[in-house]
Amino acid sequence: MKFWQKLQQAIEANPDWTESGLALRAGLSNSAIRQMIANQRDPRMVTAEKICEAMGTSYAVFMSDAQADEQKEIVHLANKLPPHLLHELLGYGRALVASQDRGQPKSHEDE
């Protein structure tokens, strides 16, 4: 899904947000988001990042398919890790899934 489409959905889902209000909080002209959506065009990356920051999120989290708060937090935290730690986290996640696939408990809480 394109940025402008996700943005339109986010604005429609949040009654406290308006296109012009969000644009002003992002440091844009009050019609910038309205024009972006009307013209069905994605903004430049720096503009998209400003809009995401105004919504209280990052571009990576906003554009991810994460739905639950925990999923969004995982994406957010993973984006802060240096490559070597991200690789370790990925290995740990794969091991957890493999363990679960073998029928082993995934945590002590499940025992």
N, C-alpha and C. Protein backbone atom coordinates (compact mmCIF):
# COMPACT_ATOMS: atom_id res chain seq x y z
N MET A 1 0.84 -1.17 0.00
CA MET A 1 0.00 0.00 0.00
C MET A 1 0.89 1.24 0.00
N LYS A 2 0.49 2.21 -0.73
CA LYS A 2 1.26 3.46 -0.86
C LYS A 2 1.13 4.30 0.42
N PHE A 3 2.13 5.17 0.62
CA PHE A 3 2.13 6.03 1.80
C PHE A 3 0.86 6.87 1.87
N TRP A 4 0.50 7.50 0.77
CA TRP A 4 -0.67 8.40 0.80
C TRP A 4 -1.95 7.63 1.16
N GLN A 5 -2.03 6.36 0.75
CA GLN A 5 -3.21 5.55 1.06
C GLN A 5 -3.26 5.22 2.56
N LYS A 6 -2.11 4.83 3.12
CA LYS A 6 -2.05 4.53 4.55
C LYS A 6 -2.33 5.80 5.36
N LEU A 7 -1.84 6.92 4.87
CA LEU A 7 -2.07 8.19 5.56
C LEU A 7 -3.55 8.54 5.55
N GLN A 8 -4.18 8.38 4.43
CA GLN A 8 -5.62 8.65 4.32
C GLN A 8 -6.39 7.77 5.31
N GLN A 9 -6.06 6.50 5.37
CA GLN A 9 -6.72 5.59 6.30
C GLN A 9 -6.47 6.00 7.75
N ALA A 10 -5.25 6.41 8.06
CA ALA A 10 -4.92 6.81 9.42
C ALA A 10 -5.70 8.05 9.83
N ILE A 11 -5.83 8.98 8.93
CA ILE A 11 -6.58 10.21 9.22
C ILE A 11 -8.06 9.89 9.42
N GLU A 12 -8.59 9.03 8.58
CA GLU A 12 -10.01 8.65 8.70
C GLU A 12 -10.27 7.88 9.99
N ALA A 13 -9.28 7.14 10.47
CA ALA A 13 -9.44 6.32 11.68
C ALA A 13 -9.25 7.11 12.97
N ASN A 14 -8.64 8.28 12.88
CA ASN A 14 -8.37 9.06 14.09
C ASN A 14 -9.18 10.35 14.05
N PRO A 15 -10.20 10.46 14.88
CA PRO A 15 -11.06 11.65 14.84
C PRO A 15 -10.35 12.94 15.27
N ASP A 16 -9.20 12.82 15.91
CA ASP A 16 -8.46 14.01 16.34
C ASP A 16 -7.56 14.58 15.23
N TRP A 17 -7.42 13.85 14.15
CA TRP A 17 -6.55 14.30 13.06
C TRP A 17 -7.34 14.86 11.90
N THR A 18 -6.83 15.93 11.33
CA THR A 18 -7.34 16.45 10.06
C THR A 18 -6.15 16.57 9.12
N GLU A 19 -6.42 16.62 7.85
CA GLU A 19 -5.34 16.75 6.88
C GLU A 19 -4.54 18.03 7.13
N SER A 20 -5.24 19.14 7.34
CA SER A 20 -4.53 20.41 7.53
C SER A 20 -3.83 20.46 8.89
N GLY A 21 -4.46 19.95 9.93
CA GLY A 21 -3.83 19.97 11.25
C GLY A 21 -2.58 19.12 11.30
N LEU A 22 -2.63 17.96 10.70
CA LEU A 22 -1.47 17.08 10.65
C LEU A 22 -0.35 17.71 9.82
N ALA A 23 -0.73 18.33 8.72
CA ALA A 23 0.26 19.00 7.87
C ALA A 23 0.97 20.10 8.64
N LEU A 24 0.22 20.91 9.37
CA LEU A 24 0.83 22.00 10.13
C LEU A 24 1.74 21.47 11.23
N ARG A 25 1.33 20.37 11.90
CA ARG A 25 2.19 19.78 12.93
C ARG A 25 3.48 19.23 12.33
N ALA A 26 3.42 18.83 11.06
CA ALA A 26 4.60 18.30 10.38
C ALA A 26 5.47 19.41 9.78
N GLY A 27 5.01 20.66 9.92
CA GLY A 27 5.78 21.78 9.37
C GLY A 27 5.55 22.00 7.89
N LEU A 28 4.41 21.54 7.40
CA LEU A 28 4.07 21.66 5.98
C LEU A 28 2.96 22.70 5.82
N SER A 29 2.68 23.07 4.59
CA SER A 29 1.55 23.96 4.35
C SER A 29 0.26 23.23 4.71
N ASN A 30 -0.76 23.97 5.08
CA ASN A 30 -1.99 23.30 5.55
C ASN A 30 -2.69 22.51 4.46
N SER A 31 -2.33 22.72 3.21
CA SER A 31 -2.97 21.96 2.13
C SER A 31 -2.09 20.83 1.58
N ALA A 32 -0.90 20.66 2.12
CA ALA A 32 0.06 19.69 1.57
C ALA A 32 -0.49 18.27 1.58
N ILE A 33 -1.03 17.83 2.69
CA ILE A 33 -1.54 16.46 2.79
C ILE A 33 -2.79 16.30 1.95
N ARG A 34 -3.66 17.29 1.97
CA ARG A 34 -4.88 17.23 1.16
C ARG A 34 -4.53 17.07 -0.33
N GLN A 35 -3.54 17.82 -0.80
CA GLN A 35 -3.12 17.72 -2.20
C GLN A 35 -2.47 16.37 -2.49
N MET A 36 -1.68 15.87 -1.55
CA MET A 36 -1.03 14.57 -1.72
C MET A 36 -2.07 13.47 -1.91
N ILE A 37 -3.09 13.49 -1.08
CA ILE A 37 -4.13 12.47 -1.15
C ILE A 37 -4.98 12.66 -2.40
N ALA A 38 -5.35 13.90 -2.71
CA ALA A 38 -6.18 14.18 -3.89
C ALA A 38 -5.46 13.78 -5.18
N ASN A 39 -4.16 14.02 -5.23
CA ASN A 39 -3.37 13.69 -6.43
C ASN A 39 -2.84 12.27 -6.42
N GLN A 40 -3.10 11.54 -5.32
CA GLN A 40 -2.65 10.16 -5.16
C GLN A 40 -1.15 10.02 -5.42
N ARG A 41 -0.39 10.87 -4.74
CA ARG A 41 1.06 10.88 -4.90
C ARG A 41 1.74 10.78 -3.54
N ASP A 42 2.77 9.97 -3.50
CA ASP A 42 3.56 9.86 -2.28
C ASP A 42 4.51 11.06 -2.19
N PRO A 43 4.77 11.51 -0.97
CA PRO A 43 5.71 12.62 -0.80
C PRO A 43 7.15 12.13 -0.86
N ARG A 44 8.08 13.08 -0.87
CA ARG A 44 9.49 12.72 -0.74
C ARG A 44 9.69 12.08 0.63
N MET A 45 10.74 11.31 0.78
CA MET A 45 10.99 10.59 2.02
C MET A 45 11.08 11.54 3.21
N VAL A 46 11.77 12.64 3.08
CA VAL A 46 11.92 13.57 4.20
C VAL A 46 10.55 14.11 4.62
N THR A 47 9.66 14.34 3.69
CA THR A 47 8.32 14.82 4.01
C THR A 47 7.51 13.72 4.69
N ALA A 48 7.61 12.51 4.19
CA ALA A 48 6.90 11.38 4.80
C ALA A 48 7.37 11.17 6.24
N GLU A 49 8.66 11.31 6.48
CA GLU A 49 9.20 11.15 7.83
C GLU A 49 8.67 12.24 8.76
N LYS A 50 8.55 13.48 8.26
CA LYS A 50 7.99 14.57 9.07
C LYS A 50 6.53 14.29 9.42
N ILE A 51 5.77 13.79 8.46
CA ILE A 51 4.36 13.47 8.70
C ILE A 51 4.26 12.36 9.74
N CYS A 52 5.08 11.34 9.61
CA CYS A 52 5.06 10.24 10.58
C CYS A 52 5.43 10.73 11.97
N GLU A 53 6.42 11.59 12.04
CA GLU A 53 6.81 12.14 13.34
C GLU A 53 5.66 12.93 13.95
N ALA A 54 4.93 13.67 13.13
CA ALA A 54 3.77 14.43 13.62
C ALA A 54 2.67 13.49 14.13
N MET A 55 2.62 12.27 13.61
CA MET A 55 1.65 11.28 14.07
C MET A 55 2.16 10.49 15.27
N GLY A 56 3.42 10.74 15.67
CA GLY A 56 3.99 10.06 16.82
C GLY A 56 4.54 8.70 16.51
N THR A 57 4.99 8.50 15.28
CA THR A 57 5.54 7.21 14.89
C THR A 57 6.71 7.43 13.94
N SER A 58 7.31 6.36 13.49
CA SER A 58 8.38 6.46 12.50
C SER A 58 7.85 5.97 11.16
N TYR A 59 8.56 6.30 10.11
CA TYR A 59 8.16 5.87 8.77
C TYR A 59 8.13 4.35 8.70
N ALA A 60 9.15 3.70 9.26
CA ALA A 60 9.23 2.23 9.19
C ALA A 60 8.05 1.58 9.87
N VAL A 61 7.70 2.06 11.05
CA VAL A 61 6.57 1.48 11.77
C VAL A 61 5.26 1.76 11.03
N PHE A 62 5.11 3.00 10.56
CA PHE A 62 3.88 3.38 9.86
C PHE A 62 3.66 2.54 8.61
N MET A 63 4.71 2.27 7.88
CA MET A 63 4.59 1.54 6.62
C MET A 63 4.60 0.03 6.80
N SER A 64 4.91 -0.45 8.00
CA SER A 64 4.92 -1.89 8.22
C SER A 64 3.50 -2.41 8.25
N ASP A 65 3.37 -3.70 8.13
CA ASP A 65 2.06 -4.34 8.19
C ASP A 65 1.70 -4.71 9.62
N ALA A 66 2.51 -4.27 10.57
CA ALA A 66 2.25 -4.59 11.98
C ALA A 66 0.91 -4.00 12.40
N GLN A 67 0.12 -4.79 13.08
CA GLN A 67 -1.20 -4.34 13.52
C GLN A 67 -1.25 -4.14 15.03
N ALA A 68 -0.76 -5.09 15.77
CA ALA A 68 -0.82 -5.02 17.23
C ALA A 68 0.27 -4.08 17.74
N ASP A 69 0.05 -3.49 18.90
CA ASP A 69 1.04 -2.60 19.49
C ASP A 69 2.38 -3.30 19.67
N GLU A 70 2.34 -4.58 20.05
CA GLU A 70 3.57 -5.32 20.24
C GLU A 70 4.34 -5.47 18.93
N GLN A 71 3.63 -5.71 17.83
CA GLN A 71 4.28 -5.82 16.54
C GLN A 71 4.91 -4.49 16.13
N LYS A 72 4.20 -3.41 16.37
CA LYS A 72 4.74 -2.09 16.04
C LYS A 72 5.97 -1.79 16.87
N GLU A 73 5.94 -2.18 18.14
CA GLU A 73 7.10 -1.94 19.00
C GLU A 73 8.30 -2.75 18.54
N ILE A 74 8.08 -3.98 18.10
CA ILE A 74 9.18 -4.81 17.61
C ILE A 74 9.82 -4.15 16.39
N VAL A 75 9.01 -3.68 15.46
CA VAL A 75 9.54 -3.00 14.27
C VAL A 75 10.32 -1.75 14.68
N HIS A 76 9.75 -0.97 15.59
CA HIS A 76 10.40 0.25 16.06
C HIS A 76 11.75 -0.05 16.70
N LEU A 77 11.78 -1.04 17.59
CA LEU A 77 13.03 -1.39 18.26
C LEU A 77 14.06 -1.96 17.28
N ALA A 78 13.60 -2.80 16.37
CA ALA A 78 14.52 -3.40 15.40
C ALA A 78 15.18 -2.33 14.53
N ASN A 79 14.45 -1.28 14.20
CA ASN A 79 15.00 -0.21 13.38
C ASN A 79 16.06 0.61 14.11
N LYS A 80 16.14 0.49 15.42
CA LYS A 80 17.13 1.22 16.20
C LYS A 80 18.42 0.43 16.38
N LEU A 81 18.40 -0.86 16.06
CA LEU A 81 19.56 -1.72 16.29
C LEU A 81 20.59 -1.60 15.19
N PRO A 82 21.88 -1.69 15.55
CA PRO A 82 22.91 -1.77 14.52
C PRO A 82 22.82 -3.13 13.82
N PRO A 83 23.37 -3.24 12.62
CA PRO A 83 23.21 -4.48 11.83
C PRO A 83 23.59 -5.76 12.56
N HIS A 84 24.68 -5.76 13.33
CA HIS A 84 25.10 -7.00 13.98
C HIS A 84 24.09 -7.44 15.05
N LEU A 85 23.48 -6.49 15.76
CA LEU A 85 22.48 -6.86 16.75
C LEU A 85 21.15 -7.23 16.09
N LEU A 86 20.85 -6.60 14.99
CA LEU A 86 19.64 -6.96 14.24
C LEU A 86 19.76 -8.41 13.75
N HIS A 87 20.94 -8.79 13.32
CA HIS A 87 21.18 -10.16 12.87
C HIS A 87 20.99 -11.15 14.03
N GLU A 88 21.48 -10.78 15.22
CA GLU A 88 21.30 -11.64 16.40
C GLU A 88 19.82 -11.76 16.76
N LEU A 89 19.10 -10.65 16.70
CA LEU A 89 17.67 -10.66 17.01
C LEU A 89 16.92 -11.55 16.02
N LEU A 90 17.27 -11.46 14.77
CA LEU A 90 16.64 -12.30 13.75
C LEU A 90 16.90 -13.78 14.03
N GLY A 91 18.12 -14.11 14.41
CA GLY A 91 18.44 -15.50 14.75
C GLY A 91 17.65 -15.99 15.95
N TYR A 92 17.52 -15.13 16.95
CA TYR A 92 16.74 -15.49 18.14
C TYR A 92 15.28 -15.70 17.77
N GLY A 93 14.73 -14.82 16.96
CA GLY A 93 13.34 -14.96 16.53
C GLY A 93 13.11 -16.25 15.76
N ARG A 94 14.04 -16.57 14.88
CA ARG A 94 13.91 -17.81 14.10
C ARG A 94 13.97 -19.03 15.02
N ALA A 95 14.84 -18.98 16.03
CA ALA A 95 14.94 -20.10 16.97
C ALA A 95 13.65 -20.25 17.77
N LEU A 96 13.03 -19.15 18.16
CA LEU A 96 11.76 -19.22 18.88
C LEU A 96 10.67 -19.86 18.03
N VAL A 97 10.61 -19.48 16.77
CA VAL A 97 9.61 -20.06 15.87
C VAL A 97 9.88 -21.54 15.66
N ALA A 98 11.14 -21.91 15.46
CA ALA A 98 11.49 -23.32 15.27
C ALA A 98 11.15 -24.13 16.51
N SER A 99 11.40 -23.57 17.68
CA SER A 99 11.07 -24.25 18.93
C SER A 99 9.57 -24.45 19.04
N GLN A 100 8.82 -23.46 18.71
CA GLN A 100 7.35 -23.55 18.75
C GLN A 100 6.85 -24.58 17.74
N ASP A 101 7.46 -24.61 16.57
CA ASP A 101 7.06 -25.56 15.54
C ASP A 101 7.32 -27.01 15.97
N ARG A 102 8.30 -27.21 16.84
CA ARG A 102 8.60 -28.55 17.34
C ARG A 102 7.71 -28.92 18.52
N GLY A 103 6.79 -28.03 18.88
CA GLY A 103 5.86 -28.33 19.96
C GLY A 103 6.40 -28.01 21.33
N GLN A 104 7.52 -27.32 21.41
CA GLN A 104 8.08 -26.96 22.70
C GLN A 104 7.42 -25.67 23.18
N PRO A 105 7.33 -25.49 24.48
CA PRO A 105 6.77 -24.23 24.99
C PRO A 105 7.62 -23.05 24.55
N LYS A 106 6.97 -21.95 24.21
CA LYS A 106 7.72 -20.79 23.75
C LYS A 106 8.19 -19.91 24.89
N SER A 107 7.63 -20.09 26.09
CA SER A 107 8.10 -19.34 27.25
C SER A 107 7.73 -20.10 28.51
N HIS A 108 8.26 -19.67 29.64
CA HIS A 108 7.95 -20.31 30.91
C HIS A 108 6.50 -20.08 31.30
N GLU A 109 5.89 -19.00 30.82
CA GLU A 109 4.49 -18.70 31.14
C GLU A 109 3.55 -19.74 30.56
N ASP A 110 3.95 -20.39 29.46
CA ASP A 110 3.09 -21.36 28.80
C ASP A 110 3.15 -22.75 29.43
N GLU A 111 4.11 -22.97 30.35
CA GLU A 111 4.28 -24.30 30.94
C GLU A 111 3.25 -24.59 31.99
